[in-house]
Amino acid sequence: MNASTTSTATPTEDHITAINQMFTEFQLAYHNQFHKAFSDDQKIAMAKQLWVKTLCDLSPERIVYGTRKAIKASEYLPTLHTIRKFCVPDPAEFGLPDAYNAYLEACRAPTPKIEQTWSHPIVYLAGNASDWFFLSGNSEAKAFPVFNRNYDILLSRVINGEQLDMPIHKAIPETISQPLSNEERKERLQVMREKLDI
């Protein structure tokens, strides 16, 4: 998921607390690396200011989550850029397939797509946004990046708490109009002429 490294959001007290907690945990987990990167209190203070301004578009809970994920996954002290990646949740946390498995599901689903049973509406919506004809008519190398981008956009909406639903399938009308025969058209035209007195 692509996240901006510059933020127009304003840090809250909770953001400052999350960044302080992050630096404390990094200091404990990466002791030597941490002290090499931040050799004095002034550098730590300046780094905290930069990090809180840059990460305040994320929730404080997401920052703490990213901190713990980084400590579990990386033997090296993460940079500001890489910590953003650690703050992005795994789709499985939300009961969603990863982008590639969602792509496979979308490509393998028979037509009509809207009538299929999907693992989650996000798969259908990402496929629909990518254009079903485009997905079926192009190689994976060309189609998957388009699907992946749309999936990432939708995934960020789910992560931010939005409920994604399937579009409402339009019902077939009870009566289907038939074109008028030539004789019926002439009769209606005659009735109209008589009403309009022409």
C-alpha atoms as a PDB file:
ATOM      1  CA  MET A   1       0.000   0.000   0.000  1.00  0.00           C
ATOM      2  CA  ASN A   2       1.349   3.359  -0.941  1.00  0.00           C
ATOM      3  CA  ALA A   3       1.371   5.964   1.798  1.00  0.00           C
ATOM      4  CA  SER A   4       2.529   9.500   1.499  1.00  0.00           C
ATOM      5  CA  THR A   5       5.699  10.336   3.377  1.00  0.00           C
ATOM      6  CA  THR A   6       4.527  13.895   3.910  1.00  0.00           C
ATOM      7  CA  SER A   7       1.486  14.612   5.989  1.00  0.00           C
ATOM      8  CA  THR A   8      -0.850  17.553   6.347  1.00  0.00           C
ATOM      9  CA  ALA A   9      -2.328  15.986   9.494  1.00  0.00           C
ATOM     10  CA  THR A  10      -1.598  17.531  12.869  1.00  0.00           C
ATOM     11  CA  PRO A  11       0.001  15.328  15.534  1.00  0.00           C
ATOM     12  CA  THR A  12      -2.052  14.750  18.668  1.00  0.00           C
ATOM     13  CA  GLU A  13      -0.858  13.981  22.188  1.00  0.00           C
ATOM     14  CA  ASP A  14      -1.577  10.325  21.428  1.00  0.00           C
ATOM     15  CA  HIS A  15       0.744  10.506  18.405  1.00  0.00           C
ATOM     16  CA  ILE A  16       3.503  11.978  20.551  1.00  0.00           C
ATOM     17  CA  THR A  17       2.973   9.211  23.119  1.00  0.00           C
ATOM     18  CA  ALA A  18       3.118   6.565  20.356  1.00  0.00           C
ATOM     19  CA  ILE A  19       6.383   8.001  18.964  1.00  0.00           C
ATOM     20  CA  ASN A  20       7.915   8.159  22.447  1.00  0.00           C
ATOM     21  CA  GLN A  21       6.908   4.540  22.992  1.00  0.00           C
ATOM     22  CA  MET A  22       8.345   3.611  19.582  1.00  0.00           C
ATOM     23  CA  PHE A  23      11.720   5.171  20.388  1.00  0.00           C
ATOM     24  CA  THR A  24      11.824   3.519  23.815  1.00  0.00           C
ATOM     25  CA  GLU A  25      11.082   0.100  22.316  1.00  0.00           C
ATOM     26  CA  PHE A  26      13.608   0.625  19.506  1.00  0.00           C
ATOM     27  CA  GLN A  27      16.225   1.606  22.066  1.00  0.00           C
ATOM     28  CA  LEU A  28      15.587  -1.624  23.991  1.00  0.00           C
ATOM     29  CA  ALA A  29      15.388  -3.866  20.918  1.00  0.00           C
ATOM     30  CA  TYR A  30      18.219  -2.324  18.868  1.00  0.00           C
ATOM     31  CA  HIS A  31      20.446  -0.978  21.640  1.00  0.00           C
ATOM     32  CA  ASN A  32      23.775  -0.603  19.777  1.00  0.00           C
ATOM     33  CA  GLN A  33      22.209   0.377  16.439  1.00  0.00           C
ATOM     34  CA  PHE A  34      19.929   2.859  18.157  1.00  0.00           C
ATOM     35  CA  HIS A  35      22.793   4.619  19.981  1.00  0.00           C
ATOM     36  CA  LYS A  36      24.827   4.712  16.795  1.00  0.00           C
ATOM     37  CA  ALA A  37      21.953   6.329  14.872  1.00  0.00           C
ATOM     38  CA  PHE A  38      20.922   8.679  17.687  1.00  0.00           C
ATOM     39  CA  SER A  39      24.105   9.465  19.580  1.00  0.00           C
ATOM     40  CA  ASP A  40      22.737  12.172  21.886  1.00  0.00           C
ATOM     41  CA  ASP A  41      19.498  13.549  23.332  1.00  0.00           C
ATOM     42  CA  GLN A  42      19.355  16.380  20.788  1.00  0.00           C
ATOM     43  CA  LYS A  43      19.404  13.922  17.859  1.00  0.00           C
ATOM     44  CA  ILE A  44      16.721  11.803  19.529  1.00  0.00           C
ATOM     45  CA  ALA A  45      14.526  14.889  20.075  1.00  0.00           C
ATOM     46  CA  MET A  46      14.981  16.045  16.465  1.00  0.00           C
ATOM     47  CA  ALA A  47      14.252  12.541  15.147  1.00  0.00           C
ATOM     48  CA  LYS A  48      11.095  12.278  17.260  1.00  0.00           C
ATOM     49  CA  GLN A  49       9.855  15.620  15.888  1.00  0.00           C
ATOM     50  CA  LEU A  50      10.448  14.491  12.322  1.00  0.00           C
ATOM     51  CA  TRP A  51       8.895  11.065  12.857  1.00  0.00           C
ATOM     52  CA  VAL A  52       5.773  12.384  14.592  1.00  0.00           C
ATOM     53  CA  LYS A  53       5.198  14.947  11.813  1.00  0.00           C
ATOM     54  CA  THR A  54       5.723  12.320   9.134  1.00  0.00           C
ATOM     55  CA  LEU A  55       3.669   9.552  10.738  1.00  0.00           C
ATOM     56  CA  CYS A  56       0.767  11.567  12.171  1.00  0.00           C
ATOM     57  CA  ASP A  57      -1.459  10.620   9.226  1.00  0.00           C
ATOM     58  CA  LEU A  58      -1.484   7.124  10.782  1.00  0.00           C
ATOM     59  CA  SER A  59      -3.404   6.342  13.950  1.00  0.00           C
ATOM     60  CA  PRO A  60      -1.334   6.087  17.157  1.00  0.00           C
ATOM     61  CA  GLU A  61      -2.436   2.435  17.409  1.00  0.00           C
ATOM     62  CA  ARG A  62      -1.116   1.789  13.896  1.00  0.00           C
ATOM     63  CA  ILE A  63       2.245   3.354  14.835  1.00  0.00           C
ATOM     64  CA  VAL A  64       2.567   1.092  17.882  1.00  0.00           C
ATOM     65  CA  TYR A  65       1.484  -1.870  15.737  1.00  0.00           C
ATOM     66  CA  GLY A  66       4.192  -0.994  13.173  1.00  0.00           C
ATOM     67  CA  THR A  67       6.793  -0.678  15.920  1.00  0.00           C
ATOM     68  CA  ARG A  68       6.076  -4.174  17.253  1.00  0.00           C
ATOM     69  CA  LYS A  69       5.896  -5.651  13.761  1.00  0.00           C
ATOM     70  CA  ALA A  70       9.279  -4.097  12.881  1.00  0.00           C
ATOM     71  CA  ILE A  71      10.897  -5.465  16.050  1.00  0.00           C
ATOM     72  CA  LYS A  72       9.571  -8.966  15.295  1.00  0.00           C
ATOM     73  CA  ALA A  73      10.481  -8.924  11.607  1.00  0.00           C
ATOM     74  CA  SER A  74      13.716  -6.950  11.299  1.00  0.00           C
ATOM     75  CA  GLU A  75      17.095  -7.425  12.875  1.00  0.00           C
ATOM     76  CA  TYR A  76      18.002  -3.867  11.860  1.00  0.00           C
ATOM     77  CA  LEU A  77      16.708  -0.578  13.229  1.00  0.00           C
ATOM     78  CA  PRO A  78      14.033   0.522  10.747  1.00  0.00           C
ATOM     79  CA  THR A  79      14.215   3.807   8.909  1.00  0.00           C
ATOM     80  CA  LEU A  80      11.328   6.250   8.766  1.00  0.00           C
ATOM     81  CA  HIS A  81      10.526   4.966   5.279  1.00  0.00           C
ATOM     82  CA  THR A  82      10.489   1.296   6.273  1.00  0.00           C
ATOM     83  CA  ILE A  83       8.472   1.866   9.453  1.00  0.00           C
ATOM     84  CA  ARG A  84       5.579   3.076   7.268  1.00  0.00           C
ATOM     85  CA  LYS A  85       5.636  -0.306   5.526  1.00  0.00           C
ATOM     86  CA  PHE A  86       5.513  -2.071   8.896  1.00  0.00           C
ATOM     87  CA  CYS A  87       2.526   0.083   9.880  1.00  0.00           C
ATOM     88  CA  VAL A  88       0.496  -1.274   6.959  1.00  0.00           C
ATOM     89  CA  PRO A  89      -1.584  -4.184   8.223  1.00  0.00           C
ATOM     90  CA  ASP A  90      -1.698  -7.570   6.622  1.00  0.00           C
ATOM     91  CA  PRO A  91      -4.995  -7.989   4.699  1.00  0.00           C
ATOM     92  CA  ALA A  92      -5.534 -11.265   6.610  1.00  0.00           C
ATOM     93  CA  GLU A  93      -6.080  -9.197   9.778  1.00  0.00           C
ATOM     94  CA  PHE A  94      -9.295  -7.989   8.146  1.00  0.00           C
ATOM     95  CA  GLY A  95     -10.305 -11.375   6.765  1.00  0.00           C
ATOM     96  CA  LEU A  96      -9.136 -10.412   3.275  1.00  0.00           C
ATOM     97  CA  PRO A  97      -7.027 -12.301   0.764  1.00  0.00           C
ATOM     98  CA  ASP A  98      -3.684 -10.834  -0.257  1.00  0.00           C
ATOM     99  CA  ALA A  99      -3.702  -8.906  -3.549  1.00  0.00           C
ATOM    100  CA  TYR A 100      -2.375 -11.763  -5.671  1.00  0.00           C
ATOM    101  CA  ASN A 101      -4.900 -14.329  -4.405  1.00  0.00           C
ATOM    102  CA  ALA A 102      -7.651 -11.745  -4.845  1.00  0.00           C
ATOM    103  CA  TYR A 103      -6.450 -11.245  -8.428  1.00  0.00           C
ATOM    104  CA  LEU A 104      -6.597 -14.995  -9.092  1.00  0.00           C
ATOM    105  CA  GLU A 105     -10.083 -15.186  -7.582  1.00  0.00           C
ATOM    106  CA  ALA A 106     -11.259 -12.295  -9.762  1.00  0.00           C
ATOM    107  CA  CYS A 107      -9.783 -13.782 -12.933  1.00  0.00           C
ATOM    108  CA  ARG A 108     -11.160 -17.272 -12.311  1.00  0.00           C
ATOM    109  CA  ALA A 109     -14.713 -16.191 -11.472  1.00  0.00           C
ATOM    110  CA  PRO A 110     -17.211 -16.999 -14.211  1.00  0.00           C
ATOM    111  CA  THR A 111     -19.506 -14.463 -15.817  1.00  0.00           C
ATOM    112  CA  PRO A 112     -21.755 -12.781 -14.753  1.00  0.00           C
ATOM    113  CA  LYS A 113     -19.274 -11.613 -12.138  1.00  0.00           C
ATOM    114  CA  ILE A 114     -21.814  -9.811  -9.963  1.00  0.00           C
ATOM    115  CA  GLU A 115     -23.702 -13.060  -9.337  1.00  0.00           C
ATOM    116  CA  GLN A 116     -20.673 -14.952  -7.981  1.00  0.00           C
ATOM    117  CA  THR A 117     -19.959 -15.654  -4.334  1.00  0.00           C
ATOM    118  CA  TRP A 118     -16.844 -13.660  -3.450  1.00  0.00           C
ATOM    119  CA  SER A 119     -14.528 -14.142  -0.475  1.00  0.00           C
ATOM    120  CA  HIS A 120     -15.084 -10.408   0.185  1.00  0.00           C
ATOM    121  CA  PRO A 121     -16.711  -7.580  -1.814  1.00  0.00           C
ATOM    122  CA  ILE A 122     -13.256  -5.967  -2.177  1.00  0.00           C
ATOM    123  CA  VAL A 123     -12.287  -8.675  -4.696  1.00  0.00           C
ATOM    124  CA  TYR A 124     -15.263  -7.948  -6.945  1.00  0.00           C
ATOM    125  CA  LEU A 125     -14.851  -4.170  -6.561  1.00  0.00           C
ATOM    126  CA  ALA A 126     -11.127  -4.297  -7.425  1.00  0.00           C
ATOM    127  CA  GLY A 127     -11.869  -6.487 -10.459  1.00  0.00           C
ATOM    128  CA  ASN A 128     -14.667  -4.206 -11.579  1.00  0.00           C
ATOM    129  CA  ALA A 129     -12.489  -1.105 -11.134  1.00  0.00           C
ATOM    130  CA  SER A 130      -9.750  -2.808 -13.170  1.00  0.00           C
ATOM    131  CA  ASP A 131     -12.226  -3.646 -15.980  1.00  0.00           C
ATOM    132  CA  TRP A 132     -13.135  -7.309 -16.414  1.00  0.00           C
ATOM    133  CA  PHE A 133     -12.394  -7.222 -20.140  1.00  0.00           C
ATOM    134  CA  PHE A 134      -8.922  -5.777 -19.465  1.00  0.00           C
ATOM    135  CA  LEU A 135      -8.180  -8.467 -16.861  1.00  0.00           C
ATOM    136  CA  SER A 136      -9.257 -11.311 -19.130  1.00  0.00           C
ATOM    137  CA  GLY A 137      -7.601  -9.933 -22.252  1.00  0.00           C
ATOM    138  CA  ASN A 138      -4.132  -9.200 -20.910  1.00  0.00           C
ATOM    139  CA  SER A 139      -1.241 -11.131 -19.439  1.00  0.00           C
ATOM    140  CA  GLU A 140      -0.775 -11.287 -15.682  1.00  0.00           C
ATOM    141  CA  ALA A 141       2.342  -9.122 -16.035  1.00  0.00           C
ATOM    142  CA  LYS A 142       0.200  -6.328 -17.464  1.00  0.00           C
ATOM    143  CA  ALA A 143      -3.114  -6.924 -15.647  1.00  0.00           C
ATOM    144  CA  PHE A 144      -1.968  -7.655 -12.087  1.00  0.00           C
ATOM    145  CA  PRO A 145      -0.311  -4.242 -11.446  1.00  0.00           C
ATOM    146  CA  VAL A 146      -3.582  -2.519 -12.399  1.00  0.00           C
ATOM    147  CA  PHE A 147      -5.610  -4.854 -10.193  1.00  0.00           C
ATOM    148  CA  ASN A 148      -3.067  -4.505  -7.356  1.00  0.00           C
ATOM    149  CA  ARG A 149      -3.294  -0.699  -7.430  1.00  0.00           C
ATOM    150  CA  ASN A 150      -7.101  -0.793  -7.270  1.00  0.00           C
ATOM    151  CA  TYR A 151      -6.983  -3.425  -4.523  1.00  0.00           C
ATOM    152  CA  ASP A 152      -4.571  -1.273  -2.484  1.00  0.00           C
ATOM    153  CA  ILE A 153      -6.873   1.750  -2.792  1.00  0.00           C
ATOM    154  CA  LEU A 154      -9.854  -0.298  -1.627  1.00  0.00           C
ATOM    155  CA  LEU A 155      -7.807  -1.982   1.108  1.00  0.00           C
ATOM    156  CA  SER A 156      -6.833   1.389   2.570  1.00  0.00           C
ATOM    157  CA  ARG A 157     -10.551   2.252   2.739  1.00  0.00           C
ATOM    158  CA  VAL A 158     -11.265  -0.992   4.632  1.00  0.00           C
ATOM    159  CA  ILE A 159      -8.338  -0.354   6.999  1.00  0.00           C
ATOM    160  CA  ASN A 160      -9.733   3.110   7.694  1.00  0.00           C
ATOM    161  CA  GLY A 161     -13.021   1.530   8.784  1.00  0.00           C
ATOM    162  CA  GLU A 162     -15.127   1.854   5.641  1.00  0.00           C
ATOM    163  CA  GLN A 163     -17.630  -0.935   4.980  1.00  0.00           C
ATOM    164  CA  LEU A 164     -17.434  -2.103   1.362  1.00  0.00           C
ATOM    165  CA  ASP A 165     -20.548  -3.723  -0.035  1.00  0.00           C
ATOM    166  CA  MET A 166     -21.426  -5.365  -3.301  1.00  0.00           C
ATOM    167  CA  PRO A 167     -23.372  -3.137  -5.683  1.00  0.00           C
ATOM    168  CA  ILE A 168     -27.078  -3.879  -5.869  1.00  0.00           C
ATOM    169  CA  HIS A 169     -27.789  -6.241  -8.720  1.00  0.00           C
ATOM    170  CA  LYS A 170     -30.496  -4.770 -10.929  1.00  0.00           C
ATOM    171  CA  ALA A 171     -33.504  -7.014 -11.249  1.00  0.00           C
ATOM    172  CA  ILE A 172     -34.967  -7.900 -14.626  1.00  0.00           C
ATOM    173  CA  PRO A 173     -38.173  -5.895 -15.135  1.00  0.00           C
ATOM    174  CA  GLU A 174     -41.431  -7.823 -14.838  1.00  0.00           C
ATOM    175  CA  THR A 175     -42.430  -6.813 -18.334  1.00  0.00           C
ATOM    176  CA  ILE A 176     -40.041  -6.431 -21.208  1.00  0.00           C
ATOM    177  CA  SER A 177     -41.245  -3.978 -23.806  1.00  0.00           C
ATOM    178  CA  GLN A 178     -41.419  -5.221 -27.362  1.00  0.00           C
ATOM    179  CA  PRO A 179     -40.942  -2.922 -30.332  1.00  0.00           C
ATOM    180  CA  LEU A 180     -44.204  -1.897 -31.960  1.00  0.00           C
ATOM    181  CA  SER A 181     -45.093  -3.386 -35.288  1.00  0.00           C
ATOM    182  CA  ASN A 182     -45.447  -1.063 -38.292  1.00  0.00           C
ATOM    183  CA  GLU A 183     -49.247  -1.363 -38.067  1.00  0.00           C
ATOM    184  CA  GLU A 184     -49.263  -0.414 -34.349  1.00  0.00           C
ATOM    185  CA  ARG A 185     -47.001   2.581 -35.017  1.00  0.00           C
ATOM    186  CA  LYS A 186     -49.343   3.830 -37.749  1.00  0.00           C
ATOM    187  CA  GLU A 187     -52.340   3.464 -35.439  1.00  0.00           C
ATOM    188  CA  ARG A 188     -50.638   5.405 -32.603  1.00  0.00           C
ATOM    189  CA  LEU A 189     -49.504   8.108 -35.025  1.00  0.00           C
ATOM    190  CA  GLN A 190     -53.075   8.458 -36.294  1.00  0.00           C
ATOM    191  CA  VAL A 191     -54.421   8.757 -32.707  1.00  0.00           C
ATOM    192  CA  MET A 192     -51.849  11.454 -31.968  1.00  0.00           C
ATOM    193  CA  ARG A 193     -52.758  13.399 -35.104  1.00  0.00           C
ATOM    194  CA  GLU A 194     -56.414  13.307 -34.180  1.00  0.00           C
ATOM    195  CA  LYS A 195     -55.660  14.533 -30.640  1.00  0.00           C
ATOM    196  CA  LEU A 196     -53.485  17.352 -31.951  1.00  0.00           C
ATOM    197  CA  ASP A 197     -55.897  18.074 -34.793  1.00  0.00           C
ATOM    198  CA  ILE A 198     -53.230  17.965 -37.510  1.00  0.00           C
END
